[in-house]
Amino acid sequence: MCGRYVIISTLEKIEKRFDVKANNASEHKMNVNVATGEKAPIVTNTEPQQLQFFRFGFTPSWAEKASYLINARSEGNFNKENAMNYTGSKGILQKPMFKQAIRQQRCLVIADAFIEGPEKERLSKPYVVYPTNEGSPFAMAGIWSTWHNPKTGEDENNFAIITTAANSLLAKIGHHRAPLILNPEDEKIWLDSEAKLSDITSLMRPFDSKTFNAYPIDPAIKKVGNKEAELLQPLGQRVIPEYQYEIYKELVVRGMGQTRARIRKEKDEGTQGLLF
């Protein structure tokens, strides 16, 4: 599964990378710990030139109550063993919860990294998984919906991330699932409302492990409210040897490398920290 991820790219960088314009630029916030219920940038198939901000947690339009599902398995009820070399049916096409969205409401979920842990320990032993060779930001494949909340009377735009079986990198971390990360050349196919289902399902495969890396980070990331940049500081060796910790370095370059103590001090003094 993929329940937490990172978005630190500037709005300008995202707009240039995906050739879009934000529909509400003020909604863009750098967030080192995107969690369920929070708004985050996506690009939908119905508005492929716009960067929109939907809530993370999927509820289909026909649902009577909110479900806030963060992930949708590409294999559906198949591949229960989570075999990495699975090539069988994509059960998501038959799942009542997702079968309409996977056909008509696909989106790109913008990210700079995602956070995952071993299958048993999960976020008690987290790793940040990030692209190498300046591959940030990237797009995770998603589905979206607009659900009418009967309690508030408002329409809520939401999304979920499609997942596949793990690749060799995630297997080294000890996790059995991975987000469906699209190659740049496949992003337009995913957003094409007229694309054949066979073209869509052909994209549902584990991402290339050679283009990403990972390192362990502070378990404090498990708490949704923790948003300090220092949480992404490496606490151990990378899974694959490298020369730099790219994600944390990027945060420091952007002036986000504050410690929790510094943030508390600034709050006590009545000033505003750089992260907020």
C-alpha atoms as a PDB file:
ATOM      1  CA  MET A   1       0.000   0.000   0.000  1.00  0.00           C
ATOM      2  CA  CYS A   2       0.977   3.646  -0.261  1.00  0.00           C
ATOM      3  CA  GLY A   3      -0.502   5.737   2.529  1.00  0.00           C
ATOM      4  CA  ARG A   4       1.999   8.568   2.899  1.00  0.00           C
ATOM      5  CA  TYR A   5       3.979  10.530   0.359  1.00  0.00           C
ATOM      6  CA  VAL A   6       6.004  13.700  -0.140  1.00  0.00           C
ATOM      7  CA  ILE A   7       5.392  16.789  -2.250  1.00  0.00           C
ATOM      8  CA  ILE A   8       8.133  19.460  -2.037  1.00  0.00           C
ATOM      9  CA  SER A   9       8.402  20.705  -5.629  1.00  0.00           C
ATOM     10  CA  THR A  10       7.459  24.300  -6.246  1.00  0.00           C
ATOM     11  CA  LEU A  11       4.259  25.076  -8.090  1.00  0.00           C
ATOM     12  CA  GLU A  12       6.281  26.419 -11.016  1.00  0.00           C
ATOM     13  CA  LYS A  13       8.277  23.203 -11.299  1.00  0.00           C
ATOM     14  CA  ILE A  14       5.122  21.061 -11.250  1.00  0.00           C
ATOM     15  CA  GLU A  15       3.395  23.219 -13.844  1.00  0.00           C
ATOM     16  CA  LYS A  16       6.396  23.029 -16.156  1.00  0.00           C
ATOM     17  CA  ARG A  17       6.945  19.285 -15.691  1.00  0.00           C
ATOM     18  CA  PHE A  18       3.326  18.348 -16.419  1.00  0.00           C
ATOM     19  CA  ASP A  19       2.451  21.234 -18.763  1.00  0.00           C
ATOM     20  CA  VAL A  20      -0.435  22.405 -16.581  1.00  0.00           C
ATOM     21  CA  LYS A  21      -1.683  25.520 -14.785  1.00  0.00           C
ATOM     22  CA  ALA A  22      -2.995  25.482 -11.234  1.00  0.00           C
ATOM     23  CA  ASN A  23      -6.713  26.198 -10.869  1.00  0.00           C
ATOM     24  CA  ASN A  24      -6.058  27.641  -7.402  1.00  0.00           C
ATOM     25  CA  ALA A  25      -2.387  28.342  -6.767  1.00  0.00           C
ATOM     26  CA  SER A  26      -2.972  29.260  -3.125  1.00  0.00           C
ATOM     27  CA  GLU A  27      -3.847  25.637  -2.355  1.00  0.00           C
ATOM     28  CA  HIS A  28      -0.354  24.394  -3.166  1.00  0.00           C
ATOM     29  CA  LYS A  29       1.632  23.597  -0.032  1.00  0.00           C
ATOM     30  CA  MET A  30       4.903  21.731   0.387  1.00  0.00           C
ATOM     31  CA  ASN A  31       4.091  18.697   2.509  1.00  0.00           C
ATOM     32  CA  VAL A  32       6.642  16.129   3.680  1.00  0.00           C
ATOM     33  CA  ASN A  33       3.913  13.866   5.061  1.00  0.00           C
ATOM     34  CA  VAL A  34       0.803  13.830   2.865  1.00  0.00           C
ATOM     35  CA  ALA A  35      -1.826  11.704   4.606  1.00  0.00           C
ATOM     36  CA  THR A  36      -5.443  10.635   4.223  1.00  0.00           C
ATOM     37  CA  GLY A  37      -7.878  13.528   4.252  1.00  0.00           C
ATOM     38  CA  GLU A  38      -5.376  16.136   3.092  1.00  0.00           C
ATOM     39  CA  LYS A  39      -5.572  18.000  -0.209  1.00  0.00           C
ATOM     40  CA  ALA A  40      -2.832  17.372  -2.737  1.00  0.00           C
ATOM     41  CA  PRO A  41      -2.144  18.192  -6.403  1.00  0.00           C
ATOM     42  CA  ILE A  42      -3.457  15.955  -9.158  1.00  0.00           C
ATOM     43  CA  VAL A  43      -4.173  16.123 -12.897  1.00  0.00           C
ATOM     44  CA  THR A  44      -7.444  14.550 -14.060  1.00  0.00           C
ATOM     45  CA  ASN A  45      -8.389  13.073 -17.416  1.00  0.00           C
ATOM     46  CA  THR A  46     -11.280  15.555 -17.769  1.00  0.00           C
ATOM     47  CA  GLU A  47      -9.060  18.619 -17.154  1.00  0.00           C
ATOM     48  CA  PRO A  48      -5.612  17.533 -18.381  1.00  0.00           C
ATOM     49  CA  GLN A  49      -4.336  21.120 -18.674  1.00  0.00           C
ATOM     50  CA  GLN A  50      -5.185  21.981 -15.061  1.00  0.00           C
ATOM     51  CA  LEU A  51      -3.469  21.227 -11.787  1.00  0.00           C
ATOM     52  CA  GLN A  52      -6.222  20.631  -9.254  1.00  0.00           C
ATOM     53  CA  PHE A  53      -6.200  19.949  -5.530  1.00  0.00           C
ATOM     54  CA  PHE A  54      -8.311  16.979  -4.398  1.00  0.00           C
ATOM     55  CA  ARG A  55      -8.600  15.227  -1.060  1.00  0.00           C
ATOM     56  CA  PHE A  56      -6.574  12.025  -0.545  1.00  0.00           C
ATOM     57  CA  GLY A  57      -9.052   9.248   0.219  1.00  0.00           C
ATOM     58  CA  PHE A  58     -11.467   7.808  -2.347  1.00  0.00           C
ATOM     59  CA  THR A  59     -15.246   7.689  -2.023  1.00  0.00           C
ATOM     60  CA  PRO A  60     -17.216   6.763  -5.177  1.00  0.00           C
ATOM     61  CA  SER A  61     -19.915   9.173  -6.306  1.00  0.00           C
ATOM     62  CA  TRP A  62     -22.734   6.688  -5.608  1.00  0.00           C
ATOM     63  CA  ALA A  63     -21.714   5.915  -1.998  1.00  0.00           C
ATOM     64  CA  GLU A  64     -24.104   6.782   0.827  1.00  0.00           C
ATOM     65  CA  LYS A  65     -21.264   7.421   3.265  1.00  0.00           C
ATOM     66  CA  ALA A  66     -17.588   8.293   3.034  1.00  0.00           C
ATOM     67  CA  SER A  67     -15.044   5.496   2.663  1.00  0.00           C
ATOM     68  CA  TYR A  68     -11.726   7.390   2.198  1.00  0.00           C
ATOM     69  CA  LEU A  69      -9.861   4.518   0.531  1.00  0.00           C
ATOM     70  CA  ILE A  70      -6.256   5.488  -0.124  1.00  0.00           C
ATOM     71  CA  ASN A  71      -5.328   2.640  -2.501  1.00  0.00           C
ATOM     72  CA  ALA A  72      -6.896   0.515  -5.227  1.00  0.00           C
ATOM     73  CA  ARG A  73      -5.228  -2.808  -6.096  1.00  0.00           C
ATOM     74  CA  SER A  74      -4.668  -3.150  -9.834  1.00  0.00           C
ATOM     75  CA  GLU A  75      -5.079  -6.924  -9.476  1.00  0.00           C
ATOM     76  CA  GLY A  76      -8.269  -6.620  -7.428  1.00  0.00           C
ATOM     77  CA  ASN A  77      -8.919  -9.929  -5.682  1.00  0.00           C
ATOM     78  CA  PHE A  78      -6.316 -11.690  -7.813  1.00  0.00           C
ATOM     79  CA  ASN A  79      -2.611 -12.153  -6.994  1.00  0.00           C
ATOM     80  CA  LYS A  80      -3.246 -12.632  -3.297  1.00  0.00           C
ATOM     81  CA  GLU A  81       0.352 -13.802  -2.939  1.00  0.00           C
ATOM     82  CA  ASN A  82       1.533 -10.423  -4.322  1.00  0.00           C
ATOM     83  CA  ALA A  83       3.871 -12.140  -6.761  1.00  0.00           C
ATOM     84  CA  MET A  84       6.195  -9.599  -8.382  1.00  0.00           C
ATOM     85  CA  ASN A  85       6.034 -11.358 -11.754  1.00  0.00           C
ATOM     86  CA  TYR A  86       2.214 -11.486 -11.850  1.00  0.00           C
ATOM     87  CA  THR A  87       0.831 -11.090 -15.394  1.00  0.00           C
ATOM     88  CA  GLY A  88      -2.761 -12.206 -14.888  1.00  0.00           C
ATOM     89  CA  SER A  89      -6.096 -10.402 -14.911  1.00  0.00           C
ATOM     90  CA  LYS A  90      -6.501  -6.891 -13.546  1.00  0.00           C
ATOM     91  CA  GLY A  91      -9.337  -7.390 -11.098  1.00  0.00           C
ATOM     92  CA  ILE A  92      -9.770  -3.657 -10.540  1.00  0.00           C
ATOM     93  CA  LEU A  93     -11.905  -3.671 -13.687  1.00  0.00           C
ATOM     94  CA  GLN A  94     -14.544  -5.766 -11.896  1.00  0.00           C
ATOM     95  CA  LYS A  95     -14.402  -4.244  -8.426  1.00  0.00           C
ATOM     96  CA  PRO A  96     -17.698  -2.396  -7.775  1.00  0.00           C
ATOM     97  CA  MET A  97     -15.870   0.291  -5.826  1.00  0.00           C
ATOM     98  CA  PHE A  98     -13.461   1.129  -8.658  1.00  0.00           C
ATOM     99  CA  LYS A  99     -14.789  -0.197 -11.995  1.00  0.00           C
ATOM    100  CA  GLN A 100     -16.383   3.092 -13.055  1.00  0.00           C
ATOM    101  CA  ALA A 101     -13.455   5.269 -12.012  1.00  0.00           C
ATOM    102  CA  ILE A 102     -10.781   3.128 -13.670  1.00  0.00           C
ATOM    103  CA  ARG A 103     -12.682   3.509 -16.941  1.00  0.00           C
ATOM    104  CA  GLN A 104     -13.769   7.134 -16.738  1.00  0.00           C
ATOM    105  CA  GLN A 105     -11.993   8.977 -13.915  1.00  0.00           C
ATOM    106  CA  ARG A 106      -8.236   8.501 -13.975  1.00  0.00           C
ATOM    107  CA  CYS A 107      -5.659  10.970 -12.702  1.00  0.00           C
ATOM    108  CA  LEU A 108      -1.978  11.642 -12.105  1.00  0.00           C
ATOM    109  CA  VAL A 109      -1.026  11.989  -8.433  1.00  0.00           C
ATOM    110  CA  ILE A 110       1.984  14.306  -8.223  1.00  0.00           C
ATOM    111  CA  ALA A 111       4.762  13.354  -5.794  1.00  0.00           C
ATOM    112  CA  ASP A 112       8.461  13.782  -5.075  1.00  0.00           C
ATOM    113  CA  ALA A 113       8.763  10.612  -2.985  1.00  0.00           C
ATOM    114  CA  PHE A 114       6.619   8.155  -1.065  1.00  0.00           C
ATOM    115  CA  ILE A 115       6.969   6.650   2.394  1.00  0.00           C
ATOM    116  CA  GLU A 116       6.783   2.941   3.115  1.00  0.00           C
ATOM    117  CA  GLY A 117       7.892   0.398   5.677  1.00  0.00           C
ATOM    118  CA  PRO A 118       8.174  -3.382   6.050  1.00  0.00           C
ATOM    119  CA  GLU A 119       4.922  -5.349   5.806  1.00  0.00           C
ATOM    120  CA  LYS A 120       4.812  -6.035   9.559  1.00  0.00           C
ATOM    121  CA  GLU A 121       6.405  -2.933  11.106  1.00  0.00           C
ATOM    122  CA  ARG A 122       4.985  -0.522   8.506  1.00  0.00           C
ATOM    123  CA  LEU A 123       5.549   3.111   9.519  1.00  0.00           C
ATOM    124  CA  SER A 124       7.149   2.071  12.776  1.00  0.00           C
ATOM    125  CA  LYS A 125      10.190   1.420  10.573  1.00  0.00           C
ATOM    126  CA  PRO A 126       9.712   3.840   7.656  1.00  0.00           C
ATOM    127  CA  TYR A 127      11.722   4.468   4.521  1.00  0.00           C
ATOM    128  CA  VAL A 128      11.451   7.335   2.074  1.00  0.00           C
ATOM    129  CA  VAL A 129      11.492   6.061  -1.517  1.00  0.00           C
ATOM    130  CA  TYR A 130      12.631   8.667  -4.033  1.00  0.00           C
ATOM    131  CA  PRO A 131      13.578   8.921  -7.727  1.00  0.00           C
ATOM    132  CA  THR A 132      17.211   9.198  -8.765  1.00  0.00           C
ATOM    133  CA  ASN A 133      18.687  11.112 -11.731  1.00  0.00           C
ATOM    134  CA  GLU A 134      16.504  14.200 -11.212  1.00  0.00           C
ATOM    135  CA  GLY A 135      13.307  12.245 -11.710  1.00  0.00           C
ATOM    136  CA  SER A 136      11.287  14.445  -9.360  1.00  0.00           C
ATOM    137  CA  PRO A 137       8.432  15.246  -9.424  1.00  0.00           C
ATOM    138  CA  PHE A 138       6.854  12.107 -10.845  1.00  0.00           C
ATOM    139  CA  ALA A 139       3.319  10.791 -11.319  1.00  0.00           C
ATOM    140  CA  MET A 140       1.602   7.956  -9.507  1.00  0.00           C
ATOM    141  CA  ALA A 141      -1.438   6.565 -11.307  1.00  0.00           C
ATOM    142  CA  GLY A 142      -4.686   7.333  -9.554  1.00  0.00           C
ATOM    143  CA  ILE A 143      -8.464   7.389  -9.807  1.00  0.00           C
ATOM    144  CA  TRP A 144     -10.714  10.242  -8.699  1.00  0.00           C
ATOM    145  CA  SER A 145     -14.325  10.882  -7.827  1.00  0.00           C
ATOM    146  CA  THR A 146     -16.706  13.630  -6.768  1.00  0.00           C
ATOM    147  CA  TRP A 147     -18.859  12.581  -3.809  1.00  0.00           C
ATOM    148  CA  HIS A 148     -21.796  14.554  -2.434  1.00  0.00           C
ATOM    149  CA  ASN A 149     -21.539  14.726   1.346  1.00  0.00           C
ATOM    150  CA  PRO A 150     -25.113  14.535   2.689  1.00  0.00           C
ATOM    151  CA  LYS A 151     -24.066  15.956   6.055  1.00  0.00           C
ATOM    152  CA  THR A 152     -22.494  19.143   4.702  1.00  0.00           C
ATOM    153  CA  GLY A 153     -24.379  19.366   1.420  1.00  0.00           C
ATOM    154  CA  GLU A 154     -21.080  19.889  -0.390  1.00  0.00           C
ATOM    155  CA  ASP A 155     -19.403  18.037  -3.243  1.00  0.00           C
ATOM    156  CA  GLU A 156     -16.017  16.593  -2.276  1.00  0.00           C
ATOM    157  CA  ASN A 157     -13.374  15.841  -4.895  1.00  0.00           C
ATOM    158  CA  ASN A 158     -11.159  12.933  -3.865  1.00  0.00           C
ATOM    159  CA  PHE A 159      -8.650  10.399  -5.176  1.00  0.00           C
ATOM    160  CA  ALA A 160      -6.852   7.115  -4.502  1.00  0.00           C
ATOM    161  CA  ILE A 161      -3.515   5.712  -5.680  1.00  0.00           C
ATOM    162  CA  ILE A 162      -3.390   2.544  -7.793  1.00  0.00           C
ATOM    163  CA  THR A 163      -1.017  -0.121  -6.466  1.00  0.00           C
ATOM    164  CA  THR A 164       0.842  -3.086  -7.926  1.00  0.00           C
ATOM    165  CA  ALA A 165       2.952  -5.857  -6.473  1.00  0.00           C
ATOM    166  CA  ALA A 166       6.320  -4.734  -5.101  1.00  0.00           C
ATOM    167  CA  ASN A 167       9.452  -4.525  -7.233  1.00  0.00           C
ATOM    168  CA  SER A 168      12.927  -5.575  -6.090  1.00  0.00           C
ATOM    169  CA  LEU A 169      13.541  -2.256  -4.288  1.00  0.00           C
ATOM    170  CA  LEU A 170      10.369  -2.486  -2.204  1.00  0.00           C
ATOM    171  CA  ALA A 171      11.104  -6.160  -1.561  1.00  0.00           C
ATOM    172  CA  LYS A 172      14.446  -5.162  -0.011  1.00  0.00           C
ATOM    173  CA  ILE A 173      12.550  -2.860   2.334  1.00  0.00           C
ATOM    174  CA  GLY A 174      10.280  -5.759   3.182  1.00  0.00           C
ATOM    175  CA  HIS A 175       7.054  -4.428   1.702  1.00  0.00           C
ATOM    176  CA  HIS A 176       4.744  -6.406  -0.583  1.00  0.00           C
ATOM    177  CA  ARG A 177       3.054  -3.572  -2.495  1.00  0.00           C
ATOM    178  CA  ALA A 178       4.052  -0.440  -4.424  1.00  0.00           C
ATOM    179  CA  PRO A 179       2.304   2.550  -5.991  1.00  0.00           C
ATOM    180  CA  LEU A 180       1.801   2.375  -9.747  1.00  0.00           C
ATOM    181  CA  ILE A 181       4.384   4.906 -10.946  1.00  0.00           C
ATOM    182  CA  LEU A 182       4.007   5.909 -14.578  1.00  0.00           C
ATOM    183  CA  ASN A 183       6.812   6.523 -17.024  1.00  0.00           C
ATOM    184  CA  PRO A 184       6.555  10.090 -18.409  1.00  0.00           C
ATOM    185  CA  GLU A 185       5.709   8.777 -21.873  1.00  0.00           C
ATOM    186  CA  ASP A 186       2.764   6.804 -20.420  1.00  0.00           C
ATOM    187  CA  GLU A 187       1.155   9.673 -18.534  1.00  0.00           C
ATOM    188  CA  LYS A 188      -0.854  10.883 -21.544  1.00  0.00           C
ATOM    189  CA  ILE A 189      -2.175   7.373 -22.107  1.00  0.00           C
ATOM    190  CA  TRP A 190      -3.397   7.195 -18.509  1.00  0.00           C
ATOM    191  CA  LEU A 191      -5.184  10.541 -18.937  1.00  0.00           C
ATOM    192  CA  ASP A 192      -6.670   9.667 -22.328  1.00  0.00           C
ATOM    193  CA  SER A 193     -10.415   9.188 -21.780  1.00  0.00           C
ATOM    194  CA  GLU A 194     -10.644   7.399 -25.129  1.00  0.00           C
ATOM    195  CA  ALA A 195      -7.809   4.938 -24.439  1.00  0.00           C
ATOM    196  CA  LYS A 196      -8.544   1.238 -24.757  1.00  0.00           C
ATOM    197  CA  LEU A 197      -8.800  -0.663 -21.497  1.00  0.00           C
ATOM    198  CA  SER A 198      -6.071  -2.979 -22.748  1.00  0.00           C
ATOM    199  CA  ASP A 199      -3.759   0.037 -23.097  1.00  0.00           C
ATOM    200  CA  ILE A 200      -4.594   1.099 -19.536  1.00  0.00           C
ATOM    201  CA  THR A 201      -4.103  -2.327 -17.987  1.00  0.00           C
ATOM    202  CA  SER A 202      -0.799  -2.759 -19.843  1.00  0.00           C
ATOM    203  CA  LEU A 203       0.552   0.093 -17.705  1.00  0.00           C
ATOM    204  CA  MET A 204      -0.291  -1.709 -14.453  1.00  0.00           C
ATOM    205  CA  ARG A 205       3.109  -3.156 -13.628  1.00  0.00           C
ATOM    206  CA  PRO A 206       5.761  -2.552 -10.951  1.00  0.00           C
ATOM    207  CA  PHE A 207       7.930   0.492 -11.628  1.00  0.00           C
ATOM    208  CA  ASP A 208      11.595   0.145 -12.613  1.00  0.00           C
ATOM    209  CA  SER A 209      13.540  -0.310  -9.373  1.00  0.00           C
ATOM    210  CA  LYS A 210      16.710   1.011 -11.038  1.00  0.00           C
ATOM    211  CA  THR A 211      15.227   4.515 -11.203  1.00  0.00           C
ATOM    212  CA  PHE A 212      14.488   4.822  -7.450  1.00  0.00           C
ATOM    213  CA  ASN A 213      16.258   4.410  -4.134  1.00  0.00           C
ATOM    214  CA  ALA A 214      15.332   4.481  -0.443  1.00  0.00           C
ATOM    215  CA  TYR A 215      16.712   5.116   3.039  1.00  0.00           C
ATOM    216  CA  PRO A 216      15.323   4.805   6.603  1.00  0.00           C
ATOM    217  CA  ILE A 217      13.814   7.848   8.309  1.00  0.00           C
ATOM    218  CA  ASP A 218      12.378   8.899  11.682  1.00  0.00           C
ATOM    219  CA  PRO A 219       9.385   6.786  12.844  1.00  0.00           C
ATOM    220  CA  ALA A 220       7.810  10.062  14.014  1.00  0.00           C
ATOM    221  CA  ILE A 221       6.577  10.351  10.412  1.00  0.00           C
ATOM    222  CA  LYS A 222       3.899   7.873  11.495  1.00  0.00           C
ATOM    223  CA  LYS A 223       2.010  10.679  13.230  1.00  0.00           C
ATOM    224  CA  VAL A 224      -0.051  12.546  10.647  1.00  0.00           C
ATOM    225  CA  GLY A 225       0.476  15.938  12.245  1.00  0.00           C
ATOM    226  CA  ASN A 226       4.278  15.759  12.075  1.00  0.00           C
ATOM    227  CA  LYS A 227       5.351  17.837   9.079  1.00  0.00           C
ATOM    228  CA  GLU A 228       8.909  18.889   9.958  1.00  0.00           C
ATOM    229  CA  ALA A 229      11.478  18.618   7.185  1.00  0.00           C
ATOM    230  CA  GLU A 230      13.953  16.899   9.508  1.00  0.00           C
ATOM    231  CA  LEU A 231      11.712  13.817   9.490  1.00  0.00           C
ATOM    232  CA  LEU A 232      13.118  13.038   6.044  1.00  0.00           C
ATOM    233  CA  GLN A 233      16.715  13.179   7.215  1.00  0.00           C
ATOM    234  CA  PRO A 234      18.410   9.794   6.677  1.00  0.00           C
ATOM    235  CA  LEU A 235      18.875   7.625   9.757  1.00  0.00           C
ATOM    236  CA  GLY A 236      20.838   4.890   8.018  1.00  0.00           C
ATOM    237  CA  GLN A 237      22.338   3.663   4.783  1.00  0.00           C
ATOM    238  CA  ARG A 238      20.511   3.759   1.497  1.00  0.00           C
ATOM    239  CA  VAL A 239      19.154   0.507   0.151  1.00  0.00           C
ATOM    240  CA  ILE A 240      21.285   1.000  -2.963  1.00  0.00           C
ATOM    241  CA  PRO A 241      24.634   2.854  -2.473  1.00  0.00           C
ATOM    242  CA  GLU A 242      24.676   6.463  -3.706  1.00  0.00           C
ATOM    243  CA  TYR A 243      26.573   9.659  -3.055  1.00  0.00           C
ATOM    244  CA  GLN A 244      23.794  11.956  -1.871  1.00  0.00           C
ATOM    245  CA  TYR A 245      20.483  11.842  -0.041  1.00  0.00           C
ATOM    246  CA  GLU A 246      18.603  13.728  -2.704  1.00  0.00           C
ATOM    247  CA  ILE A 247      15.225  14.322  -1.038  1.00  0.00           C
ATOM    248  CA  TYR A 248      16.570  15.744   2.216  1.00  0.00           C
ATOM    249  CA  LYS A 249      19.189  17.768   0.334  1.00  0.00           C
ATOM    250  CA  GLU A 250      16.398  19.312  -1.756  1.00  0.00           C
ATOM    251  CA  LEU A 251      14.514  20.273   1.389  1.00  0.00           C
ATOM    252  CA  VAL A 252      17.585  21.948   2.860  1.00  0.00           C
ATOM    253  CA  VAL A 253      18.213  23.844  -0.367  1.00  0.00           C
ATOM    254  CA  ARG A 254      14.649  25.153  -0.210  1.00  0.00           C
ATOM    255  CA  GLY A 255      15.160  26.417   3.319  1.00  0.00           C
ATOM    256  CA  MET A 256      13.000  23.748   4.914  1.00  0.00           C
ATOM    257  CA  GLY A 257      15.700  22.077   6.979  1.00  0.00           C
ATOM    258  CA  GLN A 258      14.470  23.273  10.345  1.00  0.00           C
ATOM    259  CA  THR A 259      14.518  21.190  13.468  1.00  0.00           C
ATOM    260  CA  ARG A 260      11.451  20.647  15.614  1.00  0.00           C
ATOM    261  CA  ALA A 261      13.122  22.584  18.423  1.00  0.00           C
ATOM    262  CA  ARG A 262      13.661  25.576  16.126  1.00  0.00           C
ATOM    263  CA  ILE A 263      10.046  25.475  14.951  1.00  0.00           C
ATOM    264  CA  ARG A 264       8.778  25.382  18.547  1.00  0.00           C
ATOM    265  CA  LYS A 265      11.056  28.302  19.421  1.00  0.00           C
ATOM    266  CA  GLU A 266       9.710  30.375  16.534  1.00  0.00           C
ATOM    267  CA  LYS A 267       6.137  29.591  17.511  1.00  0.00           C
ATOM    268  CA  ASP A 268       6.857  30.625  21.114  1.00  0.00           C
ATOM    269  CA  GLU A 269       8.278  33.899  19.825  1.00  0.00           C
ATOM    270  CA  GLY A 270       5.195  34.526  17.762  1.00  0.00           C
ATOM    271  CA  THR A 271       6.885  34.016  14.408  1.00  0.00           C
ATOM    272  CA  GLN A 272       5.941  31.706  11.582  1.00  0.00           C
ATOM    273  CA  GLY A 273       8.121  28.723  10.681  1.00  0.00           C
ATOM    274  CA  LEU A 274       9.231  28.139   7.093  1.00  0.00           C
ATOM    275  CA  LEU A 275       7.212  24.965   6.804  1.00  0.00           C
ATOM    276  CA  PHE A 276       3.855  26.675   7.362  1.00  0.00           C
END
